[in-house]
Amino acid sequence: MRDAIALPVTEESQVGEARRIAVALAAELEFNETDRGKVAIVTTEAAKNLVKHGREGELLLRTLKTAAGCSIEIVALDRGQGMANVALCLRDGFS
């Protein structure tokens, strides 16, 4: 298993790079084509959200070995201002 990979995501061009690295990692783990596609979608969406909302962000990719097989953990960290009132933010119609 590989060590964790930390990818800065602060602007749009880094989204594609993050996706390519995540898909390459999935290929190393011998994920099938469908699962590689899922990794690509999750990574792309997480990275886009970092650019859109976080401004300064980082994507962490880590391989995990479990009894069920290998997986990839994807964590998005941002330094955005956050939500002042979480309960209000979770209400329907709030933006």
PDB file of N, CA and C in Angstrom:
ATOM      1  N   MET A   1       0.843  -1.185   0.000  1.00  0.00           N
ATOM      2  CA  MET A   1       0.000   0.000   0.000  1.00  0.00           C
ATOM      3  C   MET A   1       0.884   1.242   0.000  1.00  0.00           C
ATOM      4  N   ARG A   2       0.395   2.267  -0.635  1.00  0.00           N
ATOM      5  CA  ARG A   2       1.082   3.553  -0.736  1.00  0.00           C
ATOM      6  C   ARG A   2       0.847   4.415   0.486  1.00  0.00           C
ATOM      7  N   ASP A   3       1.744   5.353   0.697  1.00  0.00           N
ATOM      8  CA  ASP A   3       1.504   6.387   1.701  1.00  0.00           C
ATOM      9  C   ASP A   3       0.419   7.322   1.166  1.00  0.00           C
ATOM     10  N   ALA A   4      -0.126   8.125   2.069  1.00  0.00           N
ATOM     11  CA  ALA A   4      -1.144   9.097   1.665  1.00  0.00           C
ATOM     12  C   ALA A   4      -0.536  10.110   0.696  1.00  0.00           C
ATOM     13  N   ILE A   5      -1.369  10.567  -0.226  1.00  0.00           N
ATOM     14  CA  ILE A   5      -0.967  11.588  -1.201  1.00  0.00           C
ATOM     15  C   ILE A   5      -1.737  12.855  -0.868  1.00  0.00           C
ATOM     16  N   ALA A   6      -1.028  13.954  -0.678  1.00  0.00           N
ATOM     17  CA  ALA A   6      -1.657  15.251  -0.399  1.00  0.00           C
ATOM     18  C   ALA A   6      -1.552  16.109  -1.653  1.00  0.00           C
ATOM     19  N   LEU A   7      -2.706  16.553  -2.152  1.00  0.00           N
ATOM     20  CA  LEU A   7      -2.747  17.364  -3.368  1.00  0.00           C
ATOM     21  C   LEU A   7      -3.354  18.720  -3.073  1.00  0.00           C
ATOM     22  N   PRO A   8      -2.604  19.808  -3.267  1.00  0.00           N
ATOM     23  CA  PRO A   8      -3.214  21.124  -3.095  1.00  0.00           C
ATOM     24  C   PRO A   8      -4.235  21.358  -4.199  1.00  0.00           C
ATOM     25  N   VAL A   9      -5.379  21.923  -3.831  1.00  0.00           N
ATOM     26  CA  VAL A   9      -6.413  22.252  -4.812  1.00  0.00           C
ATOM     27  C   VAL A   9      -6.874  23.674  -4.499  1.00  0.00           C
ATOM     28  N   THR A  10      -6.288  24.611  -5.218  1.00  0.00           N
ATOM     29  CA  THR A  10      -6.605  26.017  -4.986  1.00  0.00           C
ATOM     30  C   THR A  10      -7.132  26.711  -6.236  1.00  0.00           C
ATOM     31  N   GLU A  11      -7.024  26.030  -7.390  1.00  0.00           N
ATOM     32  CA  GLU A  11      -7.539  26.597  -8.623  1.00  0.00           C
ATOM     33  C   GLU A  11      -7.951  25.476  -9.575  1.00  0.00           C
ATOM     34  N   GLU A  12      -8.751  25.842 -10.560  1.00  0.00           N
ATOM     35  CA  GLU A  12      -9.459  24.888 -11.430  1.00  0.00           C
ATOM     36  C   GLU A  12      -8.556  23.869 -12.121  1.00  0.00           C
ATOM     37  N   SER A  13      -7.371  24.264 -12.555  1.00  0.00           N
ATOM     38  CA  SER A  13      -6.514  23.323 -13.294  1.00  0.00           C
ATOM     39  C   SER A  13      -6.057  22.155 -12.422  1.00  0.00           C
ATOM     40  N   GLN A  14      -6.081  22.326 -11.129  1.00  0.00           N
ATOM     41  CA  GLN A  14      -5.651  21.249 -10.231  1.00  0.00           C
ATOM     42  C   GLN A  14      -6.723  20.170 -10.062  1.00  0.00           C
ATOM     43  N   VAL A  15      -7.946  20.461 -10.463  1.00  0.00           N
ATOM     44  CA  VAL A  15      -9.034  19.480 -10.378  1.00  0.00           C
ATOM     45  C   VAL A  15      -8.735  18.289 -11.288  1.00  0.00           C
ATOM     46  N   GLY A  16      -8.369  18.560 -12.528  1.00  0.00           N
ATOM     47  CA  GLY A  16      -8.048  17.497 -13.479  1.00  0.00           C
ATOM     48  C   GLY A  16      -6.855  16.683 -13.048  1.00  0.00           C
ATOM     49  N   GLU A  17      -5.854  17.344 -12.516  1.00  0.00           N
ATOM     50  CA  GLU A  17      -4.656  16.643 -12.036  1.00  0.00           C
ATOM     51  C   GLU A  17      -5.011  15.700 -10.883  1.00  0.00           C
ATOM     52  N   ALA A  18      -5.846  16.172  -9.966  1.00  0.00           N
ATOM     53  CA  ALA A  18      -6.281  15.331  -8.847  1.00  0.00           C
ATOM     54  C   ALA A  18      -7.032  14.104  -9.363  1.00  0.00           C
ATOM     55  N   ARG A  19      -7.912  14.316 -10.344  1.00  0.00           N
ATOM     56  CA  ARG A  19      -8.672  13.203 -10.933  1.00  0.00           C
ATOM     57  C   ARG A  19      -7.731  12.192 -11.577  1.00  0.00           C
ATOM     58  N   ARG A  20      -6.765  12.649 -12.341  1.00  0.00           N
ATOM     59  CA  ARG A  20      -5.827  11.741 -13.009  1.00  0.00           C
ATOM     60  C   ARG A  20      -5.025  10.933 -11.996  1.00  0.00           C
ATOM     61  N   ILE A  21      -4.588  11.559 -10.928  1.00  0.00           N
ATOM     62  CA  ILE A  21      -3.820  10.853  -9.904  1.00  0.00           C
ATOM     63  C   ILE A  21      -4.684   9.815  -9.198  1.00  0.00           C
ATOM     64  N   ALA A  22      -5.926  10.176  -8.882  1.00  0.00           N
ATOM     65  CA  ALA A  22      -6.826   9.241  -8.205  1.00  0.00           C
ATOM     66  C   ALA A  22      -7.150   8.041  -9.096  1.00  0.00           C
ATOM     67  N   VAL A  23      -7.376   8.276 -10.378  1.00  0.00           N
ATOM     68  CA  VAL A  23      -7.684   7.180 -11.303  1.00  0.00           C
ATOM     69  C   VAL A  23      -6.453   6.280 -11.485  1.00  0.00           C
ATOM     70  N   ALA A  24      -5.278   6.869 -11.533  1.00  0.00           N
ATOM     71  CA  ALA A  24      -4.049   6.067 -11.628  1.00  0.00           C
ATOM     72  C   ALA A  24      -3.886   5.187 -10.385  1.00  0.00           C
ATOM     73  N   LEU A  25      -4.213   5.740  -9.240  1.00  0.00           N
ATOM     74  CA  LEU A  25      -4.155   4.971  -8.005  1.00  0.00           C
ATOM     75  C   LEU A  25      -5.156   3.813  -8.046  1.00  0.00           C
ATOM     76  N   ALA A  26      -6.354   4.086  -8.541  1.00  0.00           N
ATOM     77  CA  ALA A  26      -7.367   3.032  -8.681  1.00  0.00           C
ATOM     78  C   ALA A  26      -6.890   1.942  -9.651  1.00  0.00           C
ATOM     79  N   ALA A  27      -6.211   2.335 -10.708  1.00  0.00           N
ATOM     80  CA  ALA A  27      -5.675   1.367 -11.663  1.00  0.00           C
ATOM     81  C   ALA A  27      -4.598   0.503 -11.010  1.00  0.00           C
ATOM     82  N   GLU A  28      -3.734   1.122 -10.204  1.00  0.00           N
ATOM     83  CA  GLU A  28      -2.707   0.369  -9.466  1.00  0.00           C
ATOM     84  C   GLU A  28      -3.336  -0.700  -8.574  1.00  0.00           C
ATOM     85  N   LEU A  29      -4.493  -0.367  -8.012  1.00  0.00           N
ATOM     86  CA  LEU A  29      -5.193  -1.303  -7.129  1.00  0.00           C
ATOM     87  C   LEU A  29      -6.065  -2.284  -7.913  1.00  0.00           C
ATOM     88  N   GLU A  30      -6.000  -2.184  -9.243  1.00  0.00           N
ATOM     89  CA  GLU A  30      -6.736  -3.070 -10.141  1.00  0.00           C
ATOM     90  C   GLU A  30      -8.250  -2.945 -10.000  1.00  0.00           C
ATOM     91  N   PHE A  31      -8.724  -1.707  -9.771  1.00  0.00           N
ATOM     92  CA  PHE A  31     -10.161  -1.448  -9.783  1.00  0.00           C
ATOM     93  C   PHE A  31     -10.659  -1.688 -11.211  1.00  0.00           C
ATOM     94  N   ASN A  32     -11.887  -2.170 -11.350  1.00  0.00           N
ATOM     95  CA  ASN A  32     -12.449  -2.331 -12.685  1.00  0.00           C
ATOM     96  C   ASN A  32     -12.809  -0.951 -13.245  1.00  0.00           C
ATOM     97  N   GLU A  33     -13.170  -0.919 -14.520  1.00  0.00           N
ATOM     98  CA  GLU A  33     -13.438   0.351 -15.207  1.00  0.00           C
ATOM     99  C   GLU A  33     -14.559   1.150 -14.543  1.00  0.00           C
ATOM    100  N   THR A  34     -15.609   0.460 -14.100  1.00  0.00           N
ATOM    101  CA  THR A  34     -16.737   1.137 -13.445  1.00  0.00           C
ATOM    102  C   THR A  34     -16.283   1.799 -12.153  1.00  0.00           C
ATOM    103  N   ASP A  35     -15.522   1.077 -11.342  1.00  0.00           N
ATOM    104  CA  ASP A  35     -15.060   1.638 -10.077  1.00  0.00           C
ATOM    105  C   ASP A  35     -14.040   2.758 -10.289  1.00  0.00           C
ATOM    106  N   ARG A  36     -13.236   2.650 -11.320  1.00  0.00           N
ATOM    107  CA  ARG A  36     -12.320   3.758 -11.650  1.00  0.00           C
ATOM    108  C   ARG A  36     -13.125   5.011 -11.999  1.00  0.00           C
ATOM    109  N   GLY A  37     -14.208   4.819 -12.732  1.00  0.00           N
ATOM    110  CA  GLY A  37     -15.081   5.944 -13.069  1.00  0.00           C
ATOM    111  C   GLY A  37     -15.693   6.580 -11.838  1.00  0.00           C
ATOM    112  N   LYS A  38     -16.095   5.760 -10.872  1.00  0.00           N
ATOM    113  CA  LYS A  38     -16.649   6.286  -9.621  1.00  0.00           C
ATOM    114  C   LYS A  38     -15.605   7.083  -8.852  1.00  0.00           C
ATOM    115  N   VAL A  39     -14.375   6.576  -8.820  1.00  0.00           N
ATOM    116  CA  VAL A  39     -13.284   7.307  -8.164  1.00  0.00           C
ATOM    117  C   VAL A  39     -13.072   8.650  -8.861  1.00  0.00           C
ATOM    118  N   ALA A  40     -13.132   8.652 -10.183  1.00  0.00           N
ATOM    119  CA  ALA A  40     -12.950   9.892 -10.942  1.00  0.00           C
ATOM    120  C   ALA A  40     -14.033  10.907 -10.606  1.00  0.00           C
ATOM    121  N   ILE A  41     -15.287  10.451 -10.536  1.00  0.00           N
ATOM    122  CA  ILE A  41     -16.397  11.363 -10.239  1.00  0.00           C
ATOM    123  C   ILE A  41     -16.275  11.941  -8.838  1.00  0.00           C
ATOM    124  N   VAL A  42     -16.029  11.096  -7.849  1.00  0.00           N
ATOM    125  CA  VAL A  42     -15.931  11.570  -6.460  1.00  0.00           C
ATOM    126  C   VAL A  42     -14.773  12.556  -6.316  1.00  0.00           C
ATOM    127  N   THR A  43     -13.633  12.213  -6.897  1.00  0.00           N
ATOM    128  CA  THR A  43     -12.463  13.091  -6.796  1.00  0.00           C
ATOM    129  C   THR A  43     -12.727  14.429  -7.477  1.00  0.00           C
ATOM    130  N   THR A  44     -13.315  14.393  -8.659  1.00  0.00           N
ATOM    131  CA  THR A  44     -13.612  15.623  -9.391  1.00  0.00           C
ATOM    132  C   THR A  44     -14.561  16.516  -8.610  1.00  0.00           C
ATOM    133  N   GLU A  45     -15.639  15.939  -8.098  1.00  0.00           N
ATOM    134  CA  GLU A  45     -16.627  16.732  -7.351  1.00  0.00           C
ATOM    135  C   GLU A  45     -16.027  17.315  -6.072  1.00  0.00           C
ATOM    136  N   ALA A  46     -15.260  16.514  -5.350  1.00  0.00           N
ATOM    137  CA  ALA A  46     -14.633  17.008  -4.109  1.00  0.00           C
ATOM    138  C   ALA A  46     -13.656  18.145  -4.423  1.00  0.00           C
ATOM    139  N   ALA A  47     -12.852  17.963  -5.464  1.00  0.00           N
ATOM    140  CA  ALA A  47     -11.877  19.000  -5.825  1.00  0.00           C
ATOM    141  C   ALA A  47     -12.572  20.270  -6.317  1.00  0.00           C
ATOM    142  N   LYS A  48     -13.642  20.118  -7.132  1.00  0.00           N
ATOM    143  CA  LYS A  48     -14.385  21.297  -7.601  1.00  0.00           C
ATOM    144  C   LYS A  48     -14.984  22.066  -6.427  1.00  0.00           C
ATOM    145  N   ASN A  49     -15.505  21.346  -5.449  1.00  0.00           N
ATOM    146  CA  ASN A  49     -16.067  22.013  -4.272  1.00  0.00           C
ATOM    147  C   ASN A  49     -14.993  22.756  -3.488  1.00  0.00           C
ATOM    148  N   LEU A  50     -13.782  22.207  -3.437  1.00  0.00           N
ATOM    149  CA  LEU A  50     -12.693  22.923  -2.766  1.00  0.00           C
ATOM    150  C   LEU A  50     -12.409  24.242  -3.468  1.00  0.00           C
ATOM    151  N   VAL A  51     -12.373  24.207  -4.791  1.00  0.00           N
ATOM    152  CA  VAL A  51     -12.105  25.432  -5.551  1.00  0.00           C
ATOM    153  C   VAL A  51     -13.250  26.422  -5.383  1.00  0.00           C
ATOM    154  N   LYS A  52     -14.477  25.915  -5.467  1.00  0.00           N
ATOM    155  CA  LYS A  52     -15.651  26.785  -5.425  1.00  0.00           C
ATOM    156  C   LYS A  52     -15.892  27.385  -4.042  1.00  0.00           C
ATOM    157  N   HIS A  53     -15.742  26.584  -2.998  1.00  0.00           N
ATOM    158  CA  HIS A  53     -16.133  27.031  -1.657  1.00  0.00           C
ATOM    159  C   HIS A  53     -14.975  27.249  -0.686  1.00  0.00           C
ATOM    160  N   GLY A  54     -13.911  26.519  -0.872  1.00  0.00           N
ATOM    161  CA  GLY A  54     -12.845  26.558   0.128  1.00  0.00           C
ATOM    162  C   GLY A  54     -11.735  27.534  -0.152  1.00  0.00           C
ATOM    163  N   ARG A  55     -11.530  27.823  -1.418  1.00  0.00           N
ATOM    164  CA  ARG A  55     -10.450  28.701  -1.878  1.00  0.00           C
ATOM    165  C   ARG A  55      -9.067  28.132  -1.605  1.00  0.00           C
ATOM    166  N   GLU A  56      -8.784  27.742  -0.400  1.00  0.00           N
ATOM    167  CA  GLU A  56      -7.517  27.076  -0.095  1.00  0.00           C
ATOM    168  C   GLU A  56      -7.858  25.686   0.374  1.00  0.00           C
ATOM    169  N   GLY A  57      -7.528  24.682  -0.410  1.00  0.00           N
ATOM    170  CA  GLY A  57      -7.912  23.343  -0.026  1.00  0.00           C
ATOM    171  C   GLY A  57      -6.856  22.327  -0.362  1.00  0.00           C
ATOM    172  N   GLU A  58      -7.109  21.139   0.120  1.00  0.00           N
ATOM    173  CA  GLU A  58      -6.189  20.039  -0.087  1.00  0.00           C
ATOM    174  C   GLU A  58      -7.012  18.755  -0.172  1.00  0.00           C
ATOM    175  N   LEU A  59      -6.650  17.903  -1.092  1.00  0.00           N
ATOM    176  CA  LEU A  59      -7.285  16.610  -1.244  1.00  0.00           C
ATOM    177  C   LEU A  59      -6.291  15.557  -0.782  1.00  0.00           C
ATOM    178  N   LEU A  60      -6.733  14.673   0.082  1.00  0.00           N
ATOM    179  CA  LEU A  60      -5.886  13.590   0.574  1.00  0.00           C
ATOM    180  C   LEU A  60      -6.400  12.277   0.011  1.00  0.00           C
ATOM    181  N   LEU A  61      -5.513  11.505  -0.585  1.00  0.00           N
ATOM    182  CA  LEU A  61      -5.844  10.193  -1.125  1.00  0.00           C
ATOM    183  C   LEU A  61      -5.016   9.160  -0.377  1.00  0.00           C
ATOM    184  N   ARG A  62      -5.683   8.092   0.048  1.00  0.00           N
ATOM    185  CA  ARG A  62      -4.969   7.051   0.786  1.00  0.00           C
ATOM    186  C   ARG A  62      -5.563   5.695   0.428  1.00  0.00           C
ATOM    187  N   THR A  63      -4.698   4.716   0.235  1.00  0.00           N
ATOM    188  CA  THR A  63      -5.180   3.369  -0.014  1.00  0.00           C
ATOM    189  C   THR A  63      -5.366   2.653   1.316  1.00  0.00           C
ATOM    190  N   LEU A  64      -6.408   1.841   1.367  1.00  0.00           N
ATOM    191  CA  LEU A  64      -6.715   1.071   2.566  1.00  0.00           C
ATOM    192  C   LEU A  64      -6.902  -0.384   2.172  1.00  0.00           C
ATOM    193  N   LYS A  65      -6.395  -1.275   2.989  1.00  0.00           N
ATOM    194  CA  LYS A  65      -6.602  -2.702   2.765  1.00  0.00           C
ATOM    195  C   LYS A  65      -7.499  -3.211   3.875  1.00  0.00           C
ATOM    196  N   THR A  66      -8.615  -3.809   3.488  1.00  0.00           N
ATOM    197  CA  THR A  66      -9.571  -4.348   4.449  1.00  0.00           C
ATOM    198  C   THR A  66      -9.826  -5.812   4.118  1.00  0.00           C
ATOM    199  N   ALA A  67     -10.626  -6.448   4.933  1.00  0.00           N
ATOM    200  CA  ALA A  67     -10.977  -7.844   4.679  1.00  0.00           C
ATOM    201  C   ALA A  67     -11.714  -7.985   3.348  1.00  0.00           C
ATOM    202  N   ALA A  68     -12.434  -6.938   2.962  1.00  0.00           N
ATOM    203  CA  ALA A  68     -13.202  -6.965   1.713  1.00  0.00           C
ATOM    204  C   ALA A  68     -12.340  -6.663   0.492  1.00  0.00           C
ATOM    205  N   GLY A  69     -11.123  -6.203   0.685  1.00  0.00           N
ATOM    206  CA  GLY A  69     -10.235  -5.863  -0.429  1.00  0.00           C
ATOM    207  C   GLY A  69      -9.610  -4.500  -0.236  1.00  0.00           C
ATOM    208  N   CYS A  70      -9.203  -3.897  -1.322  1.00  0.00           N
ATOM    209  CA  CYS A  70      -8.553  -2.581  -1.267  1.00  0.00           C
ATOM    210  C   CYS A  70      -9.567  -1.486  -1.573  1.00  0.00           C
ATOM    211  N   SER A  71      -9.331  -0.333  -0.985  1.00  0.00           N
ATOM    212  CA  SER A  71     -10.182   0.821  -1.241  1.00  0.00           C
ATOM    213  C   SER A  71      -9.325   2.077  -1.241  1.00  0.00           C
ATOM    214  N   ILE A  72      -9.939   3.158  -1.664  1.00  0.00           N
ATOM    215  CA  ILE A  72      -9.272   4.463  -1.656  1.00  0.00           C
ATOM    216  C   ILE A  72     -10.090   5.396  -0.784  1.00  0.00           C
ATOM    217  N   GLU A  73      -9.433   6.007   0.180  1.00  0.00           N
ATOM    218  CA  GLU A  73     -10.076   7.017   1.012  1.00  0.00           C
ATOM    219  C   GLU A  73      -9.754   8.378   0.406  1.00  0.00           C
ATOM    220  N   ILE A  74     -10.787   9.182   0.218  1.00  0.00           N
ATOM    221  CA  ILE A  74     -10.637  10.518  -0.356  1.00  0.00           C
ATOM    222  C   ILE A  74     -11.162  11.518   0.671  1.00  0.00           C
ATOM    223  N   VAL A  75     -10.297  12.422   1.115  1.00  0.00           N
ATOM    224  CA  VAL A  75     -10.668  13.416   2.121  1.00  0.00           C
ATOM    225  C   VAL A  75     -10.393  14.802   1.539  1.00  0.00           C
ATOM    226  N   ALA A  76     -11.389  15.675   1.613  1.00  0.00           N
ATOM    227  CA  ALA A  76     -11.236  17.057   1.152  1.00  0.00           C
ATOM    228  C   ALA A  76     -11.165  17.968   2.371  1.00  0.00           C
ATOM    229  N   LEU A  77     -10.102  18.736   2.459  1.00  0.00           N
ATOM    230  CA  LEU A  77      -9.911  19.678   3.561  1.00  0.00           C
ATOM    231  C   LEU A  77      -9.908  21.095   2.995  1.00  0.00           C
ATOM    232  N   ASP A  78     -10.681  21.972   3.620  1.00  0.00           N
ATOM    233  CA  ASP A  78     -10.666  23.360   3.154  1.00  0.00           C
ATOM    234  C   ASP A  78     -10.434  24.308   4.321  1.00  0.00           C
ATOM    235  N   ARG A  79     -10.143  25.520   3.973  1.00  0.00           N
ATOM    236  CA  ARG A  79      -9.917  26.562   4.965  1.00  0.00           C
ATOM    237  C   ARG A  79     -10.904  27.705   4.740  1.00  0.00           C
ATOM    238  N   GLY A  80     -12.103  27.330   4.290  1.00  0.00           N
ATOM    239  CA  GLY A  80     -13.151  28.317   4.051  1.00  0.00           C
ATOM    240  C   GLY A  80     -13.714  28.820   5.362  1.00  0.00           C
ATOM    241  N   GLN A  81     -14.644  29.736   5.274  1.00  0.00           N
ATOM    242  CA  GLN A  81     -15.177  30.361   6.479  1.00  0.00           C
ATOM    243  C   GLN A  81     -16.149  29.471   7.245  1.00  0.00           C
ATOM    244  N   GLY A  82     -16.611  28.394   6.640  1.00  0.00           N
ATOM    245  CA  GLY A  82     -17.501  27.481   7.354  1.00  0.00           C
ATOM    246  C   GLY A  82     -18.934  27.977   7.401  1.00  0.00           C
ATOM    247  N   MET A  83     -19.730  27.300   8.219  1.00  0.00           N
ATOM    248  CA  MET A  83     -21.148  27.633   8.360  1.00  0.00           C
ATOM    249  C   MET A  83     -21.386  28.145   9.778  1.00  0.00           C
ATOM    250  N   ALA A  84     -21.863  29.351   9.898  1.00  0.00           N
ATOM    251  CA  ALA A  84     -22.102  29.947  11.214  1.00  0.00           C
ATOM    252  C   ALA A  84     -23.244  29.244  11.942  1.00  0.00           C
ATOM    253  N   ASN A  85     -24.277  28.813  11.192  1.00  0.00           N
ATOM    254  CA  ASN A  85     -25.439  28.169  11.796  1.00  0.00           C
ATOM    255  C   ASN A  85     -25.746  26.904  10.995  1.00  0.00           C
ATOM    256  N   VAL A  86     -25.206  25.771  11.429  1.00  0.00           N
ATOM    257  CA  VAL A  86     -25.345  24.516  10.689  1.00  0.00           C
ATOM    258  C   VAL A  86     -26.810  24.109  10.560  1.00  0.00           C
ATOM    259  N   ALA A  87     -27.583  24.222  11.625  1.00  0.00           N
ATOM    260  CA  ALA A  87     -28.997  23.827  11.585  1.00  0.00           C
ATOM    261  C   ALA A  87     -29.745  24.624  10.502  1.00  0.00           C
ATOM    262  N   LEU A  88     -29.481  25.901  10.416  1.00  0.00           N
ATOM    263  CA  LEU A  88     -30.123  26.735   9.387  1.00  0.00           C
ATOM    264  C   LEU A  88     -29.676  26.295   7.991  1.00  0.00           C
ATOM    265  N   CYS A  89     -28.422  25.990   7.841  1.00  0.00           N
ATOM    266  CA  CYS A  89     -27.887  25.569   6.540  1.00  0.00           C
ATOM    267  C   CYS A  89     -28.499  24.259   6.053  1.00  0.00           C
ATOM    268  N   LEU A  90     -28.957  23.426   6.952  1.00  0.00           N
ATOM    269  CA  LEU A  90     -29.532  22.129   6.590  1.00  0.00           C
ATOM    270  C   LEU A  90     -31.013  22.198   6.248  1.00  0.00           C
ATOM    271  N   ARG A  91     -31.636  23.348   6.437  1.00  0.00           N
ATOM    272  CA  ARG A  91     -33.062  23.498   6.121  1.00  0.00           C
ATOM    273  C   ARG A  91     -33.274  23.555   4.618  1.00  0.00           C
ATOM    274  N   ASP A  92     -34.380  22.980   4.174  1.00  0.00           N
ATOM    275  CA  ASP A  92     -34.751  23.070   2.751  1.00  0.00           C
ATOM    276  C   ASP A  92     -34.915  24.530   2.354  1.00  0.00           C
ATOM    277  N   GLY A  93     -34.404  24.854   1.188  1.00  0.00           N
ATOM    278  CA  GLY A  93     -34.570  26.196   0.658  1.00  0.00           C
ATOM    279  C   GLY A  93     -33.509  27.193   1.103  1.00  0.00           C
ATOM    280  N   PHE A  94     -32.662  26.835   2.052  1.00  0.00           N
ATOM    281  CA  PHE A  94     -31.621  27.761   2.504  1.00  0.00           C
ATOM    282  C   PHE A  94     -30.436  27.692   1.557  1.00  0.00           C
ATOM    283  N   SER A  95     -29.880  28.832   1.211  1.00  0.00           N
ATOM    284  CA  SER A  95     -28.664  28.837   0.390  1.00  0.00           C
ATOM    285  C   SER A  95     -27.718  29.904   0.881  1.00  0.00           C
TER     286      SER A  95
END
